[in-house]
Amino acid sequence: MADIKTINNSSDIMHCFEVIHTLRPHLNEEQTIACFEQMRSEGYHAVYVEDNGKAMAYCGYRFITHYFSGSAMYIDDLVTVADARNKGYASLLLDHVIEIGNKKGLETIRLDSGHHRHDAHRLYLNKGFHIHSHNFSMTLKK
């Protein structure tokens, strides 16, 4: 039975490490915890789907406001562990966070997705998302 659970602490993050590492392979366990704690201090929230005691999918999001889109939820991360894809876990999480956005009276939900993530794009389009812009970034020197 699949259940949606809220991430409350570093122990919960470690329970989800395999799933998070699927999307963010450049982070080790220590970096994942440190990044989560920093993001959480900036308003990051996270939920996951657990099935038979194992984390299968993960979603991290935050609430933001922009001139161009008003009050919004920004989804930073949405991922399913590789051997559990196409079982509806990401869809379940997406429905959950959409419900949160609706209950909070938000105007939009936004996310960015890599060009190569075709299955994810299909899910987003099927859920009613639209492609509105290109995302540009610049890496700054440290």
Protein backbone atom coordinates (compact mmCIF):
# COMPACT_ATOMS: atom_id res chain seq x y z
CA MET A 1 0.00 0.00 0.00
CA ALA A 2 1.46 3.36 -1.05
CA ASP A 3 1.33 6.20 1.47
CA ILE A 4 2.33 9.86 1.11
CA LYS A 5 4.54 11.00 3.97
CA THR A 6 6.02 14.36 4.91
CA ILE A 7 9.76 14.82 5.36
CA ASN A 8 10.38 16.24 8.82
CA ASN A 9 14.05 15.61 9.53
CA SER A 10 17.39 14.29 8.33
CA SER A 11 16.40 10.71 9.12
CA ASP A 12 13.47 11.01 6.71
CA ILE A 13 15.83 12.40 4.07
CA MET A 14 18.15 9.41 4.48
CA HIS A 15 15.14 7.11 4.07
CA CYS A 16 14.64 8.84 0.68
CA PHE A 17 18.31 9.05 -0.30
CA GLU A 18 18.12 6.40 -3.06
CA VAL A 19 15.26 8.27 -4.71
CA ILE A 20 16.87 11.71 -4.35
CA HIS A 21 20.20 10.34 -5.61
CA THR A 22 18.41 9.16 -8.77
CA LEU A 23 17.80 12.82 -9.69
CA ARG A 24 20.77 14.39 -7.90
CA PRO A 25 23.64 11.86 -8.31
CA HIS A 26 26.27 14.53 -7.64
CA LEU A 27 25.28 14.66 -3.95
CA ASN A 28 26.45 12.18 -1.35
CA GLU A 29 24.49 11.49 1.85
CA GLU A 30 26.18 14.23 3.89
CA GLN A 31 25.71 16.82 1.13
CA THR A 32 22.07 15.79 0.70
CA ILE A 33 21.34 16.34 4.39
CA ALA A 34 23.20 19.68 4.48
CA CYS A 35 21.44 20.89 1.35
CA PHE A 36 18.04 19.78 2.68
CA GLU A 37 18.61 21.62 5.97
CA GLN A 38 19.64 24.80 4.12
CA MET A 39 16.69 24.60 1.73
CA ARG A 40 14.29 23.88 4.60
CA SER A 41 15.50 27.07 6.32
CA GLU A 42 14.53 28.85 3.08
CA GLY A 43 10.99 27.41 3.04
CA TYR A 44 11.51 24.09 1.25
CA HIS A 45 8.97 21.32 1.91
CA ALA A 46 9.21 17.68 0.89
CA VAL A 47 6.95 14.66 0.67
CA TYR A 48 7.49 11.12 -0.52
CA VAL A 49 5.60 7.98 -1.42
CA GLU A 50 6.41 4.92 0.63
CA ASP A 51 5.35 1.46 -0.46
CA ASN A 52 6.10 -1.60 1.68
CA GLY A 53 8.52 0.40 3.80
CA LYS A 54 10.56 1.73 0.87
CA ALA A 55 10.64 5.30 -0.46
CA MET A 56 9.56 5.10 -4.10
CA ALA A 57 9.11 8.74 -5.15
CA TYR A 58 10.04 12.15 -3.76
CA CYS A 59 8.81 15.70 -4.29
CA GLY A 60 10.33 18.90 -2.92
CA TYR A 61 8.67 22.28 -3.30
CA ARG A 62 8.49 25.82 -1.96
CA PHE A 63 6.07 28.73 -2.00
CA ILE A 64 7.12 31.86 -3.88
CA THR A 65 5.60 35.03 -5.28
CA HIS A 66 6.59 36.70 -8.54
CA TYR A 67 5.31 39.75 -10.38
CA PHE A 68 4.80 37.61 -13.49
CA SER A 69 2.89 34.73 -11.91
CA GLY A 70 1.63 35.86 -8.52
CA SER A 71 1.53 33.36 -5.67
CA ALA A 72 3.00 30.06 -6.73
CA MET A 73 4.41 26.74 -5.73
CA TYR A 74 7.75 25.91 -7.29
CA ILE A 75 8.56 22.22 -7.54
CA ASP A 76 12.32 21.78 -7.15
CA ASP A 77 12.37 18.00 -7.29
CA LEU A 78 10.04 15.27 -8.47
CA VAL A 79 11.53 11.83 -8.99
CA THR A 80 10.75 8.14 -8.78
CA VAL A 81 13.35 5.47 -8.05
CA ALA A 82 14.31 3.80 -11.35
CA ASP A 83 12.80 0.36 -10.72
CA ALA A 84 9.43 1.82 -9.68
CA ARG A 85 8.73 4.09 -12.65
CA ASN A 86 5.41 3.92 -14.49
CA LYS A 87 3.59 2.74 -11.37
CA GLY A 88 1.86 6.07 -10.67
CA TYR A 89 3.97 7.21 -7.72
CA ALA A 90 5.04 10.55 -9.25
CA SER A 91 1.48 11.15 -10.41
CA LEU A 92 0.25 10.53 -6.86
CA LEU A 93 2.75 13.07 -5.48
CA LEU A 94 1.92 15.61 -8.17
CA ASP A 95 -1.80 15.31 -7.38
CA HIS A 96 -0.95 15.77 -3.69
CA VAL A 97 1.03 18.97 -4.18
CA ILE A 98 -1.54 20.33 -6.65
CA GLU A 99 -4.14 19.83 -3.91
CA ILE A 100 -1.90 21.71 -1.47
CA GLY A 101 -1.61 24.57 -3.98
CA ASN A 102 -5.36 24.68 -4.47
CA LYS A 103 -6.04 24.69 -0.73
CA LYS A 104 -3.57 27.56 -0.26
CA GLY A 105 -5.29 29.52 -3.05
CA LEU A 106 -2.12 29.74 -5.16
CA GLU A 107 -2.27 31.07 -8.69
CA THR A 108 0.28 28.75 -10.34
CA ILE A 109 2.54 25.77 -9.92
CA ARG A 110 5.87 25.97 -11.72
CA LEU A 111 8.77 23.62 -12.34
CA ASP A 112 11.77 23.17 -14.59
CA SER A 113 12.62 19.88 -16.28
CA GLY A 114 15.62 18.77 -18.31
CA HIS A 115 15.19 18.42 -22.07
CA HIS A 116 15.88 14.67 -21.91
CA ARG A 117 13.19 13.81 -19.33
CA HIS A 118 10.48 12.86 -21.83
CA ASP A 119 8.48 10.62 -19.48
CA ALA A 120 8.34 13.43 -16.92
CA HIS A 121 7.23 15.89 -19.59
CA ARG A 122 4.42 13.55 -20.61
CA LEU A 123 3.25 13.39 -16.97
CA TYR A 124 3.33 17.19 -16.59
CA LEU A 125 1.44 17.77 -19.83
CA ASN A 126 -1.14 15.12 -18.90
CA LYS A 127 -1.66 16.89 -15.55
CA GLY A 128 -2.39 20.20 -17.31
CA PHE A 129 1.01 21.92 -17.20
CA HIS A 130 2.09 24.05 -20.16
CA ILE A 131 5.51 24.95 -21.48
CA HIS A 132 5.76 28.73 -21.11
CA SER A 133 9.41 29.70 -21.28
CA HIS A 134 13.03 28.72 -21.51
CA ASN A 135 15.08 28.63 -18.32
CA PHE A 136 18.46 30.35 -18.40
CA SER A 137 21.20 30.02 -15.82
CA MET A 138 24.75 31.14 -15.23
CA THR A 139 27.33 29.40 -13.07
CA LEU A 140 29.11 31.93 -10.87
CA LYS A 141 32.75 31.62 -9.89
CA LYS A 142 33.40 30.92 -6.24
